[in-house]
Amino acid sequence: MFPQEVISAGPVVLRLPVEADADAVTRACSDPAIARFIPLVPSPYTPNDALEWITVVTPDTWKAGGANFVIADRVTGEMLGVIGLQPADRYGNGEVGYWLAPRARGRGAATTALRALADWAFAHGLSRMTLRADVENVASQLVARRAGFALEGVQRGAQARRDGSRADLAAYARLATDSGEPITPLLPFLPGGHPGGALTDGVVRLTPLAAADADDWHALTNVPDVVRYRVPPQPIERAEARERCRYAGHRWLAGQQADMVIRDAETGAFAGDIQLANIIPPLGQAMVGYSLHPGFRGRGLVTRAVRLLVEWAFADTSLGRIVAGTDPGNTASHRVLERAGFTREHLAKGLLPGPDGTRVDDLQWVRLRP
């Protein structure tokens, strides 16, 4: 069993909850984000729920070998959130969970508390600590990485939602032997932060693809000439489009792919998509791909988008080589790449799957870091 003690962690302290915290816990747990991502929290949340967590659930957790703390401001004593550790299994593995009140977010309190709790638990004999977050909860996944937790994969359908559906969870873990140093994402968020960050030249604006873009993205991917040049050349089902958009933030944070929407900078309208994919960190290489809705063509928007994306990649990431592949007959895409500073590299014969089991050639392009 862990000792019931206060843990000091820079600007915050972790202390045992008391009945006087009930009002603050009640207000915080009325937050829609907490209700969405932590389905075990009652909704609507009442003062009686808070008192039960403080006077029944928390003592029972400690007796079983776990721990529950309030995260409080060191100076003011304000309750910022809670963090808890489930009792370890027989292999010495524990699972951590936490939430912050809306007013407390953006200060680094969750990262500080998580790192402090992990260090404390490891010092008292825990071997491994896991953290699971909904794949759409990018903020929580970022906290995990900043506290030294490594991504281990995605557990499909691992959590029941309030509506009866199942949520996929990103699984992170930190071992007692790990350094605990922050794990820096290969792909930083766009200026302004995720999901509100953007790249713009005043004519086009690139924003991270998100769940709210699913219908627009699905419609784009089913435009006939967009389908023609897809790999493989087939339409995208609506369910697949929704999953792609839901997972976009997670994949970005994991360094797997950076999916963005091309928008008209003046109106904000969804004009197309662009992405960095096929990322190979040891080579410092990624592939750019893009498509544009017919109603926005002929204005040079894709050329502008490619320039913005590549210049961001060379300025803010370790990538040194951006490649692109095109159908040899797709002259419009060739002109885009030429205007964006790419040069033809070679023709790969029969590289890509075509319609009806055929194989098609791929004309490949490259732009190198200056």
Protein backbone atom coordinates (compact mmCIF):
# COMPACT_ATOMS: atom_id res chain seq x y z
CA MET A 1 0.00 0.00 0.00
CA PHE A 2 1.14 3.53 -0.76
CA PRO A 3 1.65 6.02 2.10
CA GLN A 4 -1.08 8.64 2.34
CA GLU A 5 1.08 11.76 2.06
CA VAL A 6 1.30 15.06 0.26
CA ILE A 7 3.40 15.15 -2.91
CA SER A 8 5.00 18.49 -3.72
CA ALA A 9 5.51 19.19 -7.41
CA GLY A 10 6.66 22.71 -8.22
CA PRO A 11 3.59 24.93 -8.65
CA VAL A 12 1.16 22.23 -7.52
CA VAL A 13 0.71 19.79 -4.67
CA LEU A 14 -1.02 16.44 -4.68
CA ARG A 15 -3.04 15.97 -1.49
CA LEU A 16 -5.84 13.77 -0.26
CA PRO A 17 -9.34 15.06 -1.08
CA VAL A 18 -11.49 16.41 1.74
CA GLU A 19 -15.20 17.09 1.99
CA ALA A 20 -14.59 20.81 1.45
CA ASP A 21 -13.54 19.92 -2.12
CA ALA A 22 -17.02 18.65 -2.99
CA ASP A 23 -18.33 21.88 -4.54
CA ALA A 24 -15.25 22.33 -6.71
CA VAL A 25 -15.36 18.69 -7.83
CA THR A 26 -19.06 19.04 -8.69
CA ARG A 27 -18.51 22.16 -10.79
CA ALA A 28 -15.57 20.65 -12.64
CA CYS A 29 -17.32 17.37 -13.42
CA SER A 30 -20.14 19.26 -15.10
CA ASP A 31 -17.68 20.06 -17.91
CA PRO A 32 -18.77 18.47 -21.23
CA ALA A 33 -15.21 17.37 -22.06
CA ILE A 34 -14.93 15.39 -18.82
CA ALA A 35 -18.33 13.82 -19.43
CA ARG A 36 -17.31 12.95 -22.99
CA PHE A 37 -13.92 11.41 -22.36
CA ILE A 38 -14.48 9.86 -18.90
CA PRO A 39 -17.76 7.96 -19.26
CA LEU A 40 -17.50 6.46 -15.75
CA VAL A 41 -18.01 9.94 -14.29
CA PRO A 42 -21.75 10.32 -13.59
CA SER A 43 -23.60 12.75 -15.85
CA PRO A 44 -25.24 14.92 -14.72
CA TYR A 45 -22.82 15.15 -11.79
CA THR A 46 -24.28 16.03 -8.38
CA PRO A 47 -22.84 17.09 -4.99
CA ASN A 48 -23.73 13.62 -3.68
CA ASP A 49 -21.55 12.09 -6.42
CA ALA A 50 -18.65 14.26 -5.29
CA LEU A 51 -19.13 13.34 -1.62
CA GLU A 52 -19.29 9.65 -2.49
CA TRP A 53 -16.01 9.92 -4.44
CA ILE A 54 -14.35 11.72 -1.49
CA THR A 55 -15.71 9.68 1.40
CA VAL A 56 -16.24 6.21 -0.11
CA VAL A 57 -14.43 5.67 -3.40
CA THR A 58 -11.18 7.33 -2.39
CA PRO A 59 -10.74 5.49 0.96
CA ASP A 60 -11.59 2.20 -0.76
CA THR A 61 -9.01 2.91 -3.48
CA TRP A 62 -6.28 3.53 -0.89
CA LYS A 63 -7.20 0.39 1.06
CA ALA A 64 -6.98 -1.68 -2.13
CA GLY A 65 -3.47 -0.41 -2.85
CA GLY A 66 -4.23 2.50 -5.16
CA ALA A 67 -4.14 6.26 -4.63
CA ASN A 68 -6.41 9.26 -5.23
CA PHE A 69 -5.21 12.85 -4.99
CA VAL A 70 -6.50 16.34 -5.53
CA ILE A 71 -4.24 18.52 -7.68
CA ALA A 72 -4.07 21.89 -5.93
CA ASP A 73 -2.31 25.18 -6.56
CA ARG A 74 0.63 25.41 -4.18
CA VAL A 75 0.10 29.10 -3.41
CA THR A 76 -3.67 29.58 -3.40
CA GLY A 77 -4.77 26.06 -2.49
CA GLU A 78 -7.27 26.15 -5.36
CA MET A 79 -8.37 22.70 -6.48
CA LEU A 80 -7.29 22.30 -10.10
CA GLY A 81 -8.25 18.68 -10.71
CA VAL A 82 -7.76 15.12 -9.54
CA ILE A 83 -5.37 12.31 -10.36
CA GLY A 84 -5.58 8.69 -9.30
CA LEU A 85 -3.76 5.40 -9.59
CA GLN A 86 -5.61 2.11 -9.72
CA PRO A 87 -4.31 -0.70 -7.49
CA ALA A 88 -1.44 -2.53 -9.17
CA ASP A 89 -2.04 -5.92 -10.69
CA ARG A 90 0.00 -8.98 -9.70
CA TYR A 91 2.71 -7.99 -12.17
CA GLY A 92 3.28 -4.57 -10.61
CA ASN A 93 1.39 -2.60 -13.27
CA GLY A 94 -0.81 0.35 -12.35
CA GLU A 95 -3.10 2.55 -14.45
CA VAL A 96 -3.34 6.30 -13.96
CA GLY A 97 -6.24 8.61 -14.72
CA TYR A 98 -6.79 12.32 -14.20
CA TRP A 99 -8.86 15.33 -15.11
CA LEU A 100 -8.48 19.10 -14.78
CA ALA A 101 -11.17 21.71 -14.22
CA PRO A 102 -11.64 23.85 -17.36
CA ARG A 103 -10.20 26.95 -15.67
CA ALA A 104 -7.02 25.07 -14.76
CA ARG A 105 -6.10 23.92 -18.25
CA GLY A 106 -3.22 25.30 -20.24
CA ARG A 107 -0.91 25.82 -17.25
CA GLY A 108 0.98 22.52 -17.42
CA ALA A 109 -0.61 21.34 -14.17
CA ALA A 110 -1.63 17.94 -15.55
CA THR A 111 1.83 17.20 -16.89
CA THR A 112 3.46 18.26 -13.62
CA ALA A 113 1.04 16.18 -11.55
CA LEU A 114 1.39 13.11 -13.77
CA ARG A 115 5.18 13.20 -13.70
CA ALA A 116 5.20 13.69 -9.93
CA LEU A 117 2.77 10.84 -9.31
CA ALA A 118 4.77 8.50 -11.56
CA ASP A 119 8.05 9.35 -9.82
CA TRP A 120 6.42 8.85 -6.41
CA ALA A 121 4.80 5.53 -7.35
CA PHE A 122 8.01 4.17 -8.86
CA ALA A 123 9.92 5.18 -5.74
CA HIS A 124 7.41 3.07 -3.75
CA GLY A 125 7.85 -0.07 -5.83
CA LEU A 126 5.54 0.25 -8.86
CA SER A 127 7.14 -1.24 -11.98
CA ARG A 128 4.99 0.10 -14.79
CA MET A 129 2.34 2.78 -15.16
CA THR A 130 -0.14 2.87 -18.03
CA LEU A 131 -2.35 5.67 -19.29
CA ARG A 132 -5.17 5.28 -21.80
CA ALA A 133 -6.92 8.12 -23.61
CA ASP A 134 -9.61 8.32 -26.26
CA VAL A 135 -7.90 8.66 -29.65
CA GLU A 136 -9.74 11.97 -30.11
CA ASN A 137 -8.43 13.32 -26.78
CA VAL A 138 -5.22 14.76 -28.19
CA ALA A 139 -4.71 17.08 -25.19
CA SER A 140 -4.50 14.12 -22.79
CA GLN A 141 -2.16 12.26 -25.11
CA LEU A 142 0.10 15.29 -25.25
CA VAL A 143 0.19 15.36 -21.44
CA ALA A 144 1.25 11.70 -21.45
CA ARG A 145 4.13 12.36 -23.85
CA ARG A 146 5.29 15.40 -21.91
CA ALA A 147 5.40 13.27 -18.75
CA GLY A 148 7.60 10.66 -20.44
CA PHE A 149 4.94 8.11 -21.37
CA ALA A 150 5.56 6.27 -24.66
CA LEU A 151 2.82 5.35 -27.11
CA GLU A 152 2.43 1.58 -27.33
CA GLY A 153 -0.55 1.29 -29.67
CA VAL A 154 -4.32 1.65 -29.95
CA GLN A 155 -6.80 -0.61 -28.18
CA ARG A 156 -9.83 -0.89 -30.44
CA GLY A 157 -13.24 -0.59 -28.81
CA ALA A 158 -11.68 -0.65 -25.36
CA GLN A 159 -14.06 1.78 -23.67
CA ALA A 160 -17.85 1.93 -23.56
CA ARG A 161 -19.33 5.32 -24.37
CA ARG A 162 -22.48 6.68 -22.78
CA ASP A 163 -24.44 6.08 -25.99
CA GLY A 164 -23.55 2.38 -26.04
CA SER A 165 -20.88 2.64 -28.77
CA ARG A 166 -17.24 1.74 -28.18
CA ALA A 167 -14.25 4.10 -28.15
CA ASP A 168 -10.72 3.33 -29.31
CA LEU A 169 -8.07 4.15 -26.71
CA ALA A 170 -4.49 5.23 -27.30
CA ALA A 171 -2.33 3.24 -24.87
CA TYR A 172 0.71 4.90 -23.28
CA ALA A 173 3.08 3.57 -20.63
CA ARG A 174 6.11 4.54 -18.59
CA LEU A 175 8.41 2.07 -16.86
CA ALA A 176 10.25 2.62 -13.59
CA THR A 177 13.47 2.35 -15.59
CA ASP A 178 12.47 5.05 -18.10
CA SER A 179 14.04 8.49 -17.84
CA GLY A 180 10.72 10.30 -17.65
CA GLU A 181 12.00 12.94 -20.07
CA PRO A 182 9.38 14.48 -22.37
CA ILE A 183 8.87 12.63 -25.65
CA THR A 184 8.92 15.33 -28.32
CA PRO A 185 6.57 14.78 -31.25
CA LEU A 186 8.23 14.40 -34.64
CA LEU A 187 5.56 16.67 -36.10
CA PRO A 188 4.94 19.80 -34.03
CA PHE A 189 1.52 21.39 -34.08
CA LEU A 190 0.85 24.28 -36.43
CA PRO A 191 1.39 27.86 -35.21
CA GLY A 192 -1.30 28.68 -32.68
CA GLY A 193 -1.47 25.17 -31.24
CA HIS A 194 -3.67 22.16 -31.90
CA PRO A 195 -6.47 22.07 -32.89
CA GLY A 196 -6.64 25.80 -33.44
CA GLY A 197 -3.32 26.14 -35.25
CA ALA A 198 -3.06 27.10 -38.90
CA LEU A 199 -0.75 28.01 -41.75
CA THR A 200 -1.82 30.82 -44.06
CA ASP A 201 -0.52 33.13 -46.75
CA GLY A 202 -3.67 35.24 -46.75
CA VAL A 203 -5.22 33.38 -49.68
CA VAL A 204 -5.28 29.80 -48.40
CA ARG A 205 -5.34 28.54 -44.84
CA LEU A 206 -4.28 25.06 -43.74
CA THR A 207 -5.91 23.67 -40.61
CA PRO A 208 -5.61 20.21 -39.02
CA LEU A 209 -8.18 17.71 -40.26
CA ALA A 210 -10.74 17.04 -37.50
CA ALA A 211 -13.84 14.99 -36.81
CA ALA A 212 -16.05 17.92 -37.82
CA ASP A 213 -14.59 17.74 -41.35
CA ALA A 214 -15.78 14.18 -42.00
CA ASP A 215 -18.69 15.00 -44.32
CA ASP A 216 -16.70 17.47 -46.42
CA TRP A 217 -13.72 15.14 -46.61
CA HIS A 218 -15.91 12.19 -47.59
CA ALA A 219 -17.50 14.22 -50.40
CA LEU A 220 -14.07 15.28 -51.68
CA THR A 221 -12.70 11.75 -51.74
CA ASN A 222 -15.61 10.64 -53.92
CA VAL A 223 -15.11 13.22 -56.68
CA PRO A 224 -14.46 11.09 -59.79
CA ASP A 225 -11.04 12.47 -60.76
CA VAL A 226 -9.94 12.42 -57.10
CA VAL A 227 -10.88 8.74 -56.95
CA ARG A 228 -9.01 8.12 -60.21
CA TYR A 229 -5.71 9.28 -58.75
CA ARG A 230 -6.12 7.75 -55.30
CA VAL A 231 -4.00 4.78 -54.18
CA PRO A 232 -5.81 2.47 -54.62
CA PRO A 233 -8.24 4.15 -57.06
CA GLN A 234 -11.50 3.54 -55.22
CA PRO A 235 -14.06 5.63 -53.32
CA ILE A 236 -13.93 6.05 -49.55
CA GLU A 237 -16.86 4.76 -47.48
CA ARG A 238 -18.46 7.20 -45.04
CA ALA A 239 -17.43 5.14 -41.98
CA GLU A 240 -13.82 5.11 -43.18
CA ALA A 241 -13.93 8.87 -43.71
CA ARG A 242 -15.21 9.44 -40.19
CA GLU A 243 -12.48 7.26 -38.72
CA ARG A 244 -9.78 9.02 -40.74
CA CYS A 245 -10.95 12.38 -39.42
CA ARG A 246 -11.35 11.16 -35.81
CA TYR A 247 -7.86 9.71 -35.81
CA ALA A 248 -6.16 12.66 -37.50
CA GLY A 249 -4.97 14.37 -34.30
CA HIS A 250 -3.71 11.11 -32.80
CA ARG A 251 -1.77 10.20 -35.94
CA TRP A 252 -0.29 13.68 -36.10
CA LEU A 253 0.89 13.49 -32.50
CA ALA A 254 2.28 10.00 -33.09
CA GLY A 255 4.32 11.26 -36.05
CA GLN A 256 2.51 8.98 -38.49
CA GLN A 257 0.78 11.52 -40.73
CA ALA A 258 -0.14 15.20 -40.80
CA ASP A 259 -3.60 15.61 -42.37
CA MET A 260 -4.76 19.13 -43.14
CA VAL A 261 -7.70 20.89 -44.75
CA ILE A 262 -7.11 23.44 -47.51
CA ARG A 263 -9.46 26.35 -46.83
CA ASP A 264 -10.27 29.57 -48.59
CA ALA A 265 -8.64 32.06 -46.22
CA GLU A 266 -11.39 34.64 -46.67
CA THR A 267 -14.45 32.45 -46.22
CA GLY A 268 -13.04 29.44 -44.34
CA ALA A 269 -14.71 27.13 -46.87
CA PHE A 270 -13.44 23.55 -47.20
CA ALA A 271 -11.59 23.54 -50.54
CA GLY A 272 -9.48 20.39 -50.41
CA ASP A 273 -7.00 18.37 -48.40
CA ILE A 274 -3.24 18.03 -48.13
CA GLN A 275 -1.07 15.76 -46.03
CA LEU A 276 2.41 14.64 -45.11
CA ALA A 277 2.39 10.84 -45.17
CA ASN A 278 4.73 7.86 -45.57
CA ILE A 279 7.04 9.47 -43.01
CA ILE A 280 10.41 7.74 -42.61
CA PRO A 281 12.21 9.37 -39.64
CA PRO A 282 15.66 7.72 -40.20
CA LEU A 283 15.68 9.11 -43.75
CA GLY A 284 14.15 12.45 -42.82
CA GLN A 285 11.66 11.91 -45.63
CA ALA A 286 7.90 12.33 -46.07
CA MET A 287 5.47 12.35 -49.00
CA VAL A 288 3.08 15.17 -49.80
CA GLY A 289 -0.34 14.44 -51.27
CA TYR A 290 -3.27 16.69 -52.05
CA SER A 291 -6.64 17.02 -53.77
CA LEU A 292 -8.96 19.94 -54.48
CA HIS A 293 -12.70 20.21 -54.91
CA PRO A 294 -13.62 21.14 -58.50
CA GLY A 295 -15.32 24.36 -57.39
CA PHE A 296 -12.02 25.78 -56.14
CA ARG A 297 -9.74 24.84 -59.02
CA GLY A 298 -7.97 27.29 -61.31
CA ARG A 299 -7.02 29.73 -58.52
CA GLY A 300 -3.60 28.35 -57.59
CA LEU A 301 -4.78 27.24 -54.16
CA VAL A 302 -3.05 23.86 -54.21
CA THR A 303 0.29 25.38 -55.24
CA ARG A 304 0.03 27.80 -52.35
CA ALA A 305 -0.92 24.96 -49.98
CA VAL A 306 2.02 22.81 -51.05
CA ARG A 307 4.44 25.71 -50.57
CA LEU A 308 3.04 26.46 -47.11
CA LEU A 309 3.23 22.84 -46.02
CA VAL A 310 6.74 22.19 -47.32
CA GLU A 311 8.16 25.41 -45.92
CA TRP A 312 6.62 24.60 -42.52
CA ALA A 313 8.07 21.08 -42.65
CA PHE A 314 11.58 22.33 -43.41
CA ALA A 315 11.38 25.09 -40.81
CA ASP A 316 9.76 23.23 -37.91
CA THR A 317 10.59 19.54 -38.35
CA SER A 318 13.69 17.43 -38.93
CA LEU A 319 12.51 16.42 -42.40
CA GLY A 320 15.01 17.17 -45.16
CA ARG A 321 13.38 15.56 -48.16
CA ILE A 322 9.75 15.85 -49.34
CA VAL A 323 8.67 13.60 -52.19
CA ALA A 324 5.51 13.33 -54.28
CA GLY A 325 4.13 10.78 -56.68
CA THR A 326 1.89 11.52 -59.66
CA ASP A 327 0.19 9.73 -62.50
CA PRO A 328 2.29 10.40 -65.65
CA GLY A 329 -0.83 11.82 -67.32
CA ASN A 330 -1.82 14.14 -64.46
CA THR A 331 -0.32 17.29 -65.95
CA ALA A 332 -2.25 19.57 -63.58
CA SER A 333 -0.52 17.97 -60.59
CA HIS A 334 2.85 18.21 -62.39
CA ARG A 335 2.39 21.96 -62.79
CA VAL A 336 1.51 22.32 -59.11
CA LEU A 337 4.73 20.59 -58.05
CA GLU A 338 6.90 22.52 -60.49
CA ARG A 339 5.50 25.84 -59.26
CA ALA A 340 6.04 24.69 -55.65
CA GLY A 341 9.76 24.07 -56.26
CA PHE A 342 9.79 20.30 -56.89
CA THR A 343 11.89 18.62 -59.56
CA ARG A 344 11.22 15.37 -61.39
CA GLU A 345 13.27 12.52 -59.98
CA HIS A 346 12.35 9.31 -61.82
CA LEU A 347 9.58 7.15 -63.25
CA ALA A 348 8.73 4.00 -61.27
CA LYS A 349 7.22 1.54 -63.70
CA GLY A 350 4.13 -0.35 -62.51
CA LEU A 351 4.55 0.85 -58.92
CA LEU A 352 0.93 1.53 -58.03
CA PRO A 353 -2.28 -0.49 -58.10
CA GLY A 354 -4.63 0.59 -60.86
CA PRO A 355 -8.25 -0.25 -61.65
CA ASP A 356 -9.33 -3.87 -62.18
CA GLY A 357 -6.05 -5.37 -61.01
CA THR A 358 -3.83 -3.37 -63.35
CA ARG A 359 -0.58 -1.66 -62.41
CA VAL A 360 0.23 1.98 -63.20
CA ASP A 361 3.44 3.98 -63.39
CA ASP A 362 4.36 6.64 -60.81
CA LEU A 363 6.20 9.81 -61.83
CA GLN A 364 8.10 10.85 -58.71
CA TRP A 365 9.18 14.31 -57.60
CA VAL A 366 11.34 15.72 -54.84
CA ARG A 367 12.11 18.94 -53.00
CA LEU A 368 15.08 19.11 -50.64
CA ARG A 369 15.69 21.28 -47.61
CA PRO A 370 17.53 24.41 -48.75
